[in-house]
Amino acid sequence: MRRRLPWALLAVLILAQICYPLTTGATRAGLTVATVVLGYLLSVGHALVTRGVRAAGALVAVATGGGFAIEALGVATGFPFGSYDYSGELGPKLAGVPLIIPLAWTWMAWPAWLAAVRLTSGPAGERRAVGWVDRLGRVALGAVGLAAWDLFLDPQMVAEGYWRWRDAVPALPGLPGIPVSNYLGWLLFAVLLMSALRPLAGPAVDTVDGRDAPMFALYLWTYLSSVLAHAVFLRLPASAVWGAVGMAVTAVPLAVVLLRARRDDAGRPAPHRTPRPGVDATA
């Protein structure tokens, strides 16, 4: 049951995201909120059932709690993202921040961390000594893997009118209405988040195994579906390109490593089993 639950939540999440381009107005806003809540439950629930209370608590503390704190700071002062305001379409607010926003940070922070661990682990993600080079690599990959998602997210949400920037200059080519400071602010917080997650969560988050397949699927689905949705359904070709390039830093190596591991497993001979007298004997 525990192994099936993340897959079931992922399936419902994917269905909700597929429905997103087919809706408009208040229905689309409600579906956005529902999608974020599903993603949050998926990531926190996976952390809980695979790594325990400490890891799940650390994820909530640094991603949900830290995400709310940095967003409240941003709304109040303009640092580190730039000056912006949220509309009232994403549900109730606290300190000017819709309550689902820090849930979104948490939703993608967990699969981004696990992807980084997988890419800096051995051939099968097995246990081994983790040195400072590995830790720096994990923080860097996890931070880029999380922050690059905003190259899809912000253009989509701004286009829907869920938030707006008071001063959007300078902006990335093809992405007007969003200042470069926003993406740099995302990267800054993502680095802080990933740096704090391991010390608080403990050694349980230093390795990955077969239980983490739903999170890898979530990350790769988010990457591929976002490219397709922005390029075709949402008519945001520039963010499709920027997001495809940015998330590729983590997503493409992850896909290659997972495909290679699958191929190696398929080519590995089955372990020899000694026949049991009187049971496995043949006539």
C-alpha atoms as a PDB file:
ATOM      1  CA  MET A   1       0.000   0.000   0.000  1.00  0.00           C
ATOM      2  CA  ARG A   2       2.771   2.463   0.883  1.00  0.00           C
ATOM      3  CA  ARG A   3       4.488   1.837  -2.439  1.00  0.00           C
ATOM      4  CA  ARG A   4       1.272   2.330  -4.387  1.00  0.00           C
ATOM      5  CA  LEU A   5       0.113   5.541  -2.716  1.00  0.00           C
ATOM      6  CA  PRO A   6       2.726   7.867  -4.301  1.00  0.00           C
ATOM      7  CA  TRP A   7       1.964   6.411  -7.726  1.00  0.00           C
ATOM      8  CA  ALA A   8      -1.770   6.933  -7.163  1.00  0.00           C
ATOM      9  CA  LEU A   9      -1.248  10.558  -6.115  1.00  0.00           C
ATOM     10  CA  LEU A  10       1.038  11.108  -9.091  1.00  0.00           C
ATOM     11  CA  ALA A  11      -1.622   9.747 -11.444  1.00  0.00           C
ATOM     12  CA  VAL A  12      -4.253  12.130 -10.035  1.00  0.00           C
ATOM     13  CA  LEU A  13      -1.782  15.023 -10.250  1.00  0.00           C
ATOM     14  CA  ILE A  14      -1.032  14.269 -13.903  1.00  0.00           C
ATOM     15  CA  LEU A  15      -4.750  14.096 -14.671  1.00  0.00           C
ATOM     16  CA  ALA A  16      -5.286  17.509 -13.056  1.00  0.00           C
ATOM     17  CA  GLN A  17      -2.423  19.012 -15.059  1.00  0.00           C
ATOM     18  CA  ILE A  18      -3.762  17.555 -18.299  1.00  0.00           C
ATOM     19  CA  CYS A  19      -7.112  19.219 -17.570  1.00  0.00           C
ATOM     20  CA  TYR A  20      -5.498  22.623 -16.881  1.00  0.00           C
ATOM     21  CA  PRO A  21      -5.277  23.857 -20.511  1.00  0.00           C
ATOM     22  CA  LEU A  22      -8.897  22.777 -21.070  1.00  0.00           C
ATOM     23  CA  THR A  23     -10.272  25.162 -18.404  1.00  0.00           C
ATOM     24  CA  THR A  24     -10.520  28.935 -17.968  1.00  0.00           C
ATOM     25  CA  GLY A  25     -11.267  31.571 -15.337  1.00  0.00           C
ATOM     26  CA  ALA A  26     -12.223  30.521 -11.833  1.00  0.00           C
ATOM     27  CA  THR A  27     -12.182  26.838 -12.786  1.00  0.00           C
ATOM     28  CA  ARG A  28      -8.567  27.116 -13.913  1.00  0.00           C
ATOM     29  CA  ALA A  29      -7.597  28.980 -10.740  1.00  0.00           C
ATOM     30  CA  GLY A  30      -9.264  26.307  -8.619  1.00  0.00           C
ATOM     31  CA  LEU A  31      -7.510  23.590 -10.567  1.00  0.00           C
ATOM     32  CA  THR A  32      -4.199  25.395 -10.010  1.00  0.00           C
ATOM     33  CA  VAL A  33      -4.765  25.358  -6.247  1.00  0.00           C
ATOM     34  CA  ALA A  34      -5.810  21.700  -6.323  1.00  0.00           C
ATOM     35  CA  THR A  35      -2.727  20.757  -8.338  1.00  0.00           C
ATOM     36  CA  VAL A  36      -0.384  22.447  -5.872  1.00  0.00           C
ATOM     37  CA  VAL A  37      -2.072  20.737  -2.917  1.00  0.00           C
ATOM     38  CA  LEU A  38      -1.799  17.355  -4.662  1.00  0.00           C
ATOM     39  CA  GLY A  39       1.873  17.952  -5.406  1.00  0.00           C
ATOM     40  CA  TYR A  40       2.498  18.959  -1.809  1.00  0.00           C
ATOM     41  CA  LEU A  41       0.794  15.864  -0.422  1.00  0.00           C
ATOM     42  CA  LEU A  42       2.718  13.698  -2.874  1.00  0.00           C
ATOM     43  CA  SER A  43       6.157  15.029  -1.959  1.00  0.00           C
ATOM     44  CA  VAL A  44       5.675  15.339   1.802  1.00  0.00           C
ATOM     45  CA  GLY A  45       3.860  11.996   1.924  1.00  0.00           C
ATOM     46  CA  HIS A  46       6.652  10.309  -0.016  1.00  0.00           C
ATOM     47  CA  ALA A  47       9.289  11.789   2.278  1.00  0.00           C
ATOM     48  CA  LEU A  48       7.324  10.551   5.292  1.00  0.00           C
ATOM     49  CA  VAL A  49       6.751   6.957   4.157  1.00  0.00           C
ATOM     50  CA  THR A  50      10.246   6.460   2.695  1.00  0.00           C
ATOM     51  CA  ARG A  51      12.475   8.500   5.036  1.00  0.00           C
ATOM     52  CA  GLY A  52      10.483   8.964   8.208  1.00  0.00           C
ATOM     53  CA  VAL A  53       9.194  11.801  10.357  1.00  0.00           C
ATOM     54  CA  ARG A  54      12.514  13.623  10.640  1.00  0.00           C
ATOM     55  CA  ALA A  55      13.001  13.933   6.880  1.00  0.00           C
ATOM     56  CA  ALA A  56       9.398  14.946   6.232  1.00  0.00           C
ATOM     57  CA  GLY A  57       9.549  17.477   9.056  1.00  0.00           C
ATOM     58  CA  ALA A  58      12.771  18.932   7.696  1.00  0.00           C
ATOM     59  CA  LEU A  59      11.248  19.238   4.237  1.00  0.00           C
ATOM     60  CA  VAL A  60       8.230  21.071   5.627  1.00  0.00           C
ATOM     61  CA  ALA A  61      10.406  23.318   7.805  1.00  0.00           C
ATOM     62  CA  VAL A  62      12.855  24.445   5.133  1.00  0.00           C
ATOM     63  CA  ALA A  63      10.621  24.390   2.047  1.00  0.00           C
ATOM     64  CA  THR A  64       7.172  25.273   3.399  1.00  0.00           C
ATOM     65  CA  GLY A  65       8.258  27.415   6.328  1.00  0.00           C
ATOM     66  CA  GLY A  66      11.239  28.904   4.527  1.00  0.00           C
ATOM     67  CA  GLY A  67       9.195  29.397   1.372  1.00  0.00           C
ATOM     68  CA  PHE A  68       6.549  31.368   3.222  1.00  0.00           C
ATOM     69  CA  ALA A  69       9.174  33.484   5.003  1.00  0.00           C
ATOM     70  CA  ILE A  70      11.016  34.399   1.783  1.00  0.00           C
ATOM     71  CA  GLU A  71       7.750  35.172  -0.023  1.00  0.00           C
ATOM     72  CA  ALA A  72       6.514  37.378   2.830  1.00  0.00           C
ATOM     73  CA  LEU A  73       9.858  39.187   2.779  1.00  0.00           C
ATOM     74  CA  GLY A  74       9.589  39.602  -0.976  1.00  0.00           C
ATOM     75  CA  VAL A  75       6.065  41.019  -0.891  1.00  0.00           C
ATOM     76  CA  ALA A  76       6.960  43.421   1.933  1.00  0.00           C
ATOM     77  CA  THR A  77      10.346  44.626   0.705  1.00  0.00           C
ATOM     78  CA  GLY A  78      10.913  43.524  -2.897  1.00  0.00           C
ATOM     79  CA  PHE A  79      13.961  41.457  -1.857  1.00  0.00           C
ATOM     80  CA  PRO A  80      15.147  39.085  -3.273  1.00  0.00           C
ATOM     81  CA  PHE A  81      12.689  38.677  -6.175  1.00  0.00           C
ATOM     82  CA  GLY A  82      11.727  42.267  -6.993  1.00  0.00           C
ATOM     83  CA  SER A  83       8.540  44.195  -6.273  1.00  0.00           C
ATOM     84  CA  TYR A  84       5.378  42.196  -6.928  1.00  0.00           C
ATOM     85  CA  ASP A  85       1.823  41.655  -5.713  1.00  0.00           C
ATOM     86  CA  TYR A  86      -0.427  38.593  -5.658  1.00  0.00           C
ATOM     87  CA  SER A  87      -3.989  38.740  -6.912  1.00  0.00           C
ATOM     88  CA  GLY A  88      -6.788  37.209  -4.885  1.00  0.00           C
ATOM     89  CA  GLU A  89      -7.367  34.283  -7.265  1.00  0.00           C
ATOM     90  CA  LEU A  90      -5.136  31.752  -5.511  1.00  0.00           C
ATOM     91  CA  GLY A  91      -7.044  31.532  -2.264  1.00  0.00           C
ATOM     92  CA  PRO A  92      -6.496  33.013   1.213  1.00  0.00           C
ATOM     93  CA  LYS A  93      -3.396  35.038   2.002  1.00  0.00           C
ATOM     94  CA  LEU A  94      -1.224  35.582   5.024  1.00  0.00           C
ATOM     95  CA  ALA A  95       1.102  38.603   5.053  1.00  0.00           C
ATOM     96  CA  GLY A  96       0.146  39.162   1.423  1.00  0.00           C
ATOM     97  CA  VAL A  97       1.200  35.630   0.373  1.00  0.00           C
ATOM     98  CA  PRO A  98      -1.330  33.046  -0.862  1.00  0.00           C
ATOM     99  CA  LEU A  99      -1.016  30.035   1.402  1.00  0.00           C
ATOM    100  CA  ILE A 100      -0.496  27.660  -1.529  1.00  0.00           C
ATOM    101  CA  ILE A 101       2.707  29.399  -2.670  1.00  0.00           C
ATOM    102  CA  PRO A 102       5.050  27.821  -0.078  1.00  0.00           C
ATOM    103  CA  LEU A 103       3.351  24.496  -0.817  1.00  0.00           C
ATOM    104  CA  ALA A 104       4.560  24.821  -4.404  1.00  0.00           C
ATOM    105  CA  TRP A 105       8.148  25.311  -3.210  1.00  0.00           C
ATOM    106  CA  THR A 106       7.825  22.080  -1.219  1.00  0.00           C
ATOM    107  CA  TRP A 107       6.194  20.151  -4.052  1.00  0.00           C
ATOM    108  CA  MET A 108       9.202  20.523  -6.351  1.00  0.00           C
ATOM    109  CA  ALA A 109      11.984  20.804  -3.771  1.00  0.00           C
ATOM    110  CA  TRP A 110      11.783  17.122  -2.794  1.00  0.00           C
ATOM    111  CA  PRO A 111      12.048  15.555  -6.282  1.00  0.00           C
ATOM    112  CA  ALA A 112      14.766  18.081  -7.170  1.00  0.00           C
ATOM    113  CA  TRP A 113      16.798  16.978  -4.123  1.00  0.00           C
ATOM    114  CA  LEU A 114      16.348  13.273  -4.855  1.00  0.00           C
ATOM    115  CA  ALA A 115      17.333  13.823  -8.498  1.00  0.00           C
ATOM    116  CA  ALA A 116      20.511  15.545  -7.315  1.00  0.00           C
ATOM    117  CA  VAL A 117      21.276  12.666  -4.937  1.00  0.00           C
ATOM    118  CA  ARG A 118      20.765  10.146  -7.738  1.00  0.00           C
ATOM    119  CA  LEU A 119      23.123  12.028 -10.045  1.00  0.00           C
ATOM    120  CA  THR A 120      25.864  12.252  -7.421  1.00  0.00           C
ATOM    121  CA  SER A 121      25.558   8.660  -6.198  1.00  0.00           C
ATOM    122  CA  GLY A 122      27.078   5.424  -7.439  1.00  0.00           C
ATOM    123  CA  PRO A 123      25.729   3.388 -10.354  1.00  0.00           C
ATOM    124  CA  ALA A 124      22.642   2.292  -8.438  1.00  0.00           C
ATOM    125  CA  GLY A 125      22.470   5.044  -5.842  1.00  0.00           C
ATOM    126  CA  GLU A 126      24.006   2.713  -3.271  1.00  0.00           C
ATOM    127  CA  ARG A 127      25.273   3.755   0.116  1.00  0.00           C
ATOM    128  CA  ARG A 128      28.792   5.149   0.143  1.00  0.00           C
ATOM    129  CA  ALA A 129      30.742   7.849   1.917  1.00  0.00           C
ATOM    130  CA  VAL A 130      29.491  11.299   0.953  1.00  0.00           C
ATOM    131  CA  GLY A 131      32.269  13.891   0.833  1.00  0.00           C
ATOM    132  CA  TRP A 132      32.094  17.636   0.625  1.00  0.00           C
ATOM    133  CA  VAL A 133      32.396  17.576  -3.163  1.00  0.00           C
ATOM    134  CA  ASP A 134      29.292  15.366  -3.357  1.00  0.00           C
ATOM    135  CA  ARG A 135      27.445  17.637  -0.965  1.00  0.00           C
ATOM    136  CA  LEU A 136      28.285  20.749  -2.958  1.00  0.00           C
ATOM    137  CA  GLY A 137      27.248  18.984  -6.140  1.00  0.00           C
ATOM    138  CA  ARG A 138      23.936  17.958  -4.622  1.00  0.00           C
ATOM    139  CA  VAL A 139      23.187  21.456  -3.399  1.00  0.00           C
ATOM    140  CA  ALA A 140      24.067  22.938  -6.791  1.00  0.00           C
ATOM    141  CA  LEU A 141      22.100  20.387  -8.839  1.00  0.00           C
ATOM    142  CA  GLY A 142      19.131  20.462  -6.487  1.00  0.00           C
ATOM    143  CA  ALA A 143      19.059  24.261  -6.439  1.00  0.00           C
ATOM    144  CA  VAL A 144      19.255  24.568 -10.217  1.00  0.00           C
ATOM    145  CA  GLY A 145      16.719  21.774 -10.612  1.00  0.00           C
ATOM    146  CA  LEU A 146      14.253  23.647  -8.408  1.00  0.00           C
ATOM    147  CA  ALA A 147      14.943  27.225  -9.526  1.00  0.00           C
ATOM    148  CA  ALA A 148      14.820  26.383 -13.238  1.00  0.00           C
ATOM    149  CA  TRP A 149      11.223  25.237 -12.809  1.00  0.00           C
ATOM    150  CA  ASP A 150      10.323  28.901 -12.337  1.00  0.00           C
ATOM    151  CA  LEU A 151      11.269  29.543 -15.962  1.00  0.00           C
ATOM    152  CA  PHE A 152       8.020  27.702 -16.692  1.00  0.00           C
ATOM    153  CA  LEU A 153       6.025  28.685 -13.628  1.00  0.00           C
ATOM    154  CA  ASP A 154       6.338  32.469 -13.508  1.00  0.00           C
ATOM    155  CA  PRO A 155       5.491  33.190 -17.159  1.00  0.00           C
ATOM    156  CA  GLN A 156       2.473  30.893 -16.886  1.00  0.00           C
ATOM    157  CA  MET A 157       1.177  32.423 -13.666  1.00  0.00           C
ATOM    158  CA  VAL A 158       1.794  36.015 -14.800  1.00  0.00           C
ATOM    159  CA  ALA A 159      -0.064  35.300 -18.031  1.00  0.00           C
ATOM    160  CA  GLU A 160      -3.027  34.111 -15.928  1.00  0.00           C
ATOM    161  CA  GLY A 161      -2.904  37.259 -13.786  1.00  0.00           C
ATOM    162  CA  TYR A 162      -2.180  35.425 -10.530  1.00  0.00           C
ATOM    163  CA  TRP A 163       0.583  37.922  -9.693  1.00  0.00           C
ATOM    164  CA  ARG A 164       2.187  40.949 -11.301  1.00  0.00           C
ATOM    165  CA  TRP A 165       5.460  42.833 -11.119  1.00  0.00           C
ATOM    166  CA  ARG A 166       5.674  46.551 -10.472  1.00  0.00           C
ATOM    167  CA  ASP A 167       9.006  46.871 -12.257  1.00  0.00           C
ATOM    168  CA  ALA A 168       9.863  44.113 -14.714  1.00  0.00           C
ATOM    169  CA  VAL A 169      13.105  45.510 -16.125  1.00  0.00           C
ATOM    170  CA  PRO A 170      15.468  43.984 -17.092  1.00  0.00           C
ATOM    171  CA  ALA A 171      13.675  40.855 -18.299  1.00  0.00           C
ATOM    172  CA  LEU A 172      14.850  37.767 -20.143  1.00  0.00           C
ATOM    173  CA  PRO A 173      14.374  37.940 -23.933  1.00  0.00           C
ATOM    174  CA  GLY A 174      10.879  36.808 -24.802  1.00  0.00           C
ATOM    175  CA  LEU A 175       9.663  36.895 -21.184  1.00  0.00           C
ATOM    176  CA  PRO A 176       8.387  40.429 -20.585  1.00  0.00           C
ATOM    177  CA  GLY A 177       6.667  41.276 -17.334  1.00  0.00           C
ATOM    178  CA  ILE A 178       9.099  39.296 -15.134  1.00  0.00           C
ATOM    179  CA  PRO A 179      12.412  40.781 -13.964  1.00  0.00           C
ATOM    180  CA  VAL A 180      15.646  38.817 -14.009  1.00  0.00           C
ATOM    181  CA  SER A 181      15.862  39.475 -10.255  1.00  0.00           C
ATOM    182  CA  ASN A 182      12.973  37.047  -9.789  1.00  0.00           C
ATOM    183  CA  TYR A 183      14.937  34.109 -11.187  1.00  0.00           C
ATOM    184  CA  LEU A 184      18.054  35.091  -9.254  1.00  0.00           C
ATOM    185  CA  GLY A 185      15.953  35.280  -6.079  1.00  0.00           C
ATOM    186  CA  TRP A 186      14.593  31.800  -6.754  1.00  0.00           C
ATOM    187  CA  LEU A 187      18.124  30.485  -7.209  1.00  0.00           C
ATOM    188  CA  LEU A 188      19.323  32.148  -4.015  1.00  0.00           C
ATOM    189  CA  PHE A 189      16.543  30.650  -1.917  1.00  0.00           C
ATOM    190  CA  ALA A 190      16.887  27.260  -3.627  1.00  0.00           C
ATOM    191  CA  VAL A 191      20.570  27.172  -2.624  1.00  0.00           C
ATOM    192  CA  LEU A 192      19.670  28.020   0.984  1.00  0.00           C
ATOM    193  CA  LEU A 193      16.890  25.416   0.983  1.00  0.00           C
ATOM    194  CA  MET A 194      19.065  22.618  -0.372  1.00  0.00           C
ATOM    195  CA  SER A 195      21.917  23.560   1.962  1.00  0.00           C
ATOM    196  CA  ALA A 196      19.666  23.293   5.016  1.00  0.00           C
ATOM    197  CA  LEU A 197      17.712  20.183   4.014  1.00  0.00           C
ATOM    198  CA  ARG A 198      20.439  17.558   4.544  1.00  0.00           C
ATOM    199  CA  PRO A 199      21.617  18.743   8.001  1.00  0.00           C
ATOM    200  CA  LEU A 200      18.048  18.868   9.268  1.00  0.00           C
ATOM    201  CA  ALA A 201      16.768  15.714   7.556  1.00  0.00           C
ATOM    202  CA  GLY A 202      19.708  13.487   8.492  1.00  0.00           C
ATOM    203  CA  PRO A 203      21.493  10.674   6.640  1.00  0.00           C
ATOM    204  CA  ALA A 204      18.247   9.101   5.405  1.00  0.00           C
ATOM    205  CA  VAL A 205      18.189  11.617   2.537  1.00  0.00           C
ATOM    206  CA  ASP A 206      21.744  10.808   1.432  1.00  0.00           C
ATOM    207  CA  THR A 207      20.729   7.784  -0.657  1.00  0.00           C
ATOM    208  CA  VAL A 208      18.038   6.820  -3.137  1.00  0.00           C
ATOM    209  CA  ASP A 209      16.512   3.480  -4.101  1.00  0.00           C
ATOM    210  CA  GLY A 210      13.578   1.929  -5.925  1.00  0.00           C
ATOM    211  CA  ARG A 211      11.069   3.633  -3.636  1.00  0.00           C
ATOM    212  CA  ASP A 212      11.991   6.962  -5.213  1.00  0.00           C
ATOM    213  CA  ALA A 213      10.818   6.084  -8.724  1.00  0.00           C
ATOM    214  CA  PRO A 214       7.593   8.153  -8.339  1.00  0.00           C
ATOM    215  CA  MET A 215       9.644  11.259  -7.528  1.00  0.00           C
ATOM    216  CA  PHE A 216      11.910  10.777 -10.529  1.00  0.00           C
ATOM    217  CA  ALA A 217       8.810  10.283 -12.664  1.00  0.00           C
ATOM    218  CA  LEU A 218       7.317  13.464 -11.196  1.00  0.00           C
ATOM    219  CA  TYR A 219      10.406  15.508 -12.028  1.00  0.00           C
ATOM    220  CA  LEU A 220      10.706  14.213 -15.581  1.00  0.00           C
ATOM    221  CA  TRP A 221       6.953  14.523 -16.181  1.00  0.00           C
ATOM    222  CA  THR A 222       7.067  18.143 -14.964  1.00  0.00           C
ATOM    223  CA  TYR A 223       9.901  18.885 -17.356  1.00  0.00           C
ATOM    224  CA  LEU A 224       8.484  17.223 -20.464  1.00  0.00           C
ATOM    225  CA  SER A 225       4.849  18.221 -19.912  1.00  0.00           C
ATOM    226  CA  SER A 226       5.818  21.841 -19.220  1.00  0.00           C
ATOM    227  CA  VAL A 227       7.757  22.087 -22.474  1.00  0.00           C
ATOM    228  CA  LEU A 228       4.800  20.656 -24.390  1.00  0.00           C
ATOM    229  CA  ALA A 229       2.154  22.714 -22.592  1.00  0.00           C
ATOM    230  CA  HIS A 230       3.988  26.031 -23.015  1.00  0.00           C
ATOM    231  CA  ALA A 231       4.942  25.388 -26.618  1.00  0.00           C
ATOM    232  CA  VAL A 232       1.545  24.138 -27.812  1.00  0.00           C
ATOM    233  CA  PHE A 233      -1.389  24.613 -25.443  1.00  0.00           C
ATOM    234  CA  LEU A 234      -0.530  27.769 -23.481  1.00  0.00           C
ATOM    235  CA  ARG A 235       1.093  29.568 -26.437  1.00  0.00           C
ATOM    236  CA  LEU A 236       4.135  30.644 -24.436  1.00  0.00           C
ATOM    237  CA  PRO A 237       6.943  29.572 -26.773  1.00  0.00           C
ATOM    238  CA  ALA A 238       9.659  31.676 -25.133  1.00  0.00           C
ATOM    239  CA  SER A 239       9.125  30.132 -21.692  1.00  0.00           C
ATOM    240  CA  ALA A 240       9.015  26.711 -23.352  1.00  0.00           C
ATOM    241  CA  VAL A 241      12.545  27.335 -24.651  1.00  0.00           C
ATOM    242  CA  TRP A 242      13.943  28.948 -21.494  1.00  0.00           C
ATOM    243  CA  GLY A 243      12.439  26.277 -19.258  1.00  0.00           C
ATOM    244  CA  ALA A 244      13.569  23.454 -21.530  1.00  0.00           C
ATOM    245  CA  VAL A 245      17.154  24.697 -21.370  1.00  0.00           C
ATOM    246  CA  GLY A 246      17.141  25.496 -17.641  1.00  0.00           C
ATOM    247  CA  MET A 247      15.567  22.298 -16.296  1.00  0.00           C
ATOM    248  CA  ALA A 248      17.602  20.206 -18.752  1.00  0.00           C
ATOM    249  CA  VAL A 249      20.643  20.713 -16.507  1.00  0.00           C
ATOM    250  CA  THR A 250      19.096  18.253 -14.037  1.00  0.00           C
ATOM    251  CA  ALA A 251      16.365  16.501 -16.046  1.00  0.00           C
ATOM    252  CA  VAL A 252      18.419  15.279 -19.004  1.00  0.00           C
ATOM    253  CA  PRO A 253      21.240  13.672 -16.961  1.00  0.00           C
ATOM    254  CA  LEU A 254      18.610  12.142 -14.682  1.00  0.00           C
ATOM    255  CA  ALA A 255      16.796  10.585 -17.638  1.00  0.00           C
ATOM    256  CA  VAL A 256      20.065   9.241 -19.047  1.00  0.00           C
ATOM    257  CA  VAL A 257      21.131   7.722 -15.711  1.00  0.00           C
ATOM    258  CA  LEU A 258      17.740   6.090 -15.146  1.00  0.00           C
ATOM    259  CA  LEU A 259      17.571   4.676 -18.685  1.00  0.00           C
ATOM    260  CA  ARG A 260      21.116   3.329 -18.392  1.00  0.00           C
ATOM    261  CA  ALA A 261      20.316   1.679 -15.051  1.00  0.00           C
ATOM    262  CA  ARG A 262      17.189   0.130 -16.536  1.00  0.00           C
ATOM    263  CA  ARG A 263      19.170  -1.214 -19.490  1.00  0.00           C
ATOM    264  CA  ASP A 264      21.869  -2.619 -17.221  1.00  0.00           C
ATOM    265  CA  ASP A 265      19.257  -4.312 -15.032  1.00  0.00           C
ATOM    266  CA  ALA A 266      17.605  -5.852 -18.086  1.00  0.00           C
ATOM    267  CA  GLY A 267      20.923  -7.259 -19.292  1.00  0.00           C
ATOM    268  CA  ARG A 268      21.995  -8.627 -15.924  1.00  0.00           C
ATOM    269  CA  PRO A 269      21.488 -12.412 -15.585  1.00  0.00           C
ATOM    270  CA  ALA A 270      19.056 -13.616 -12.974  1.00  0.00           C
ATOM    271  CA  PRO A 271      20.707 -14.805  -9.747  1.00  0.00           C
ATOM    272  CA  HIS A 272      21.376 -18.539  -9.555  1.00  0.00           C
ATOM    273  CA  ARG A 273      19.044 -20.415  -7.211  1.00  0.00           C
ATOM    274  CA  THR A 274      20.094 -23.739  -5.766  1.00  0.00           C
ATOM    275  CA  PRO A 275      17.355 -26.386  -6.267  1.00  0.00           C
ATOM    276  CA  ARG A 276      15.696 -27.608  -3.099  1.00  0.00           C
ATOM    277  CA  PRO A 277      15.743 -31.424  -2.740  1.00  0.00           C
ATOM    278  CA  GLY A 278      12.322 -32.928  -3.154  1.00  0.00           C
ATOM    279  CA  VAL A 279      10.789 -29.614  -4.227  1.00  0.00           C
ATOM    280  CA  ASP A 280      12.592 -28.305  -7.303  1.00  0.00           C
ATOM    281  CA  ALA A 281      13.777 -31.714  -8.545  1.00  0.00           C
ATOM    282  CA  THR A 282      12.548 -32.736 -11.950  1.00  0.00           C
ATOM    283  CA  ALA A 283      11.746 -36.235 -13.179  1.00  0.00           C
END
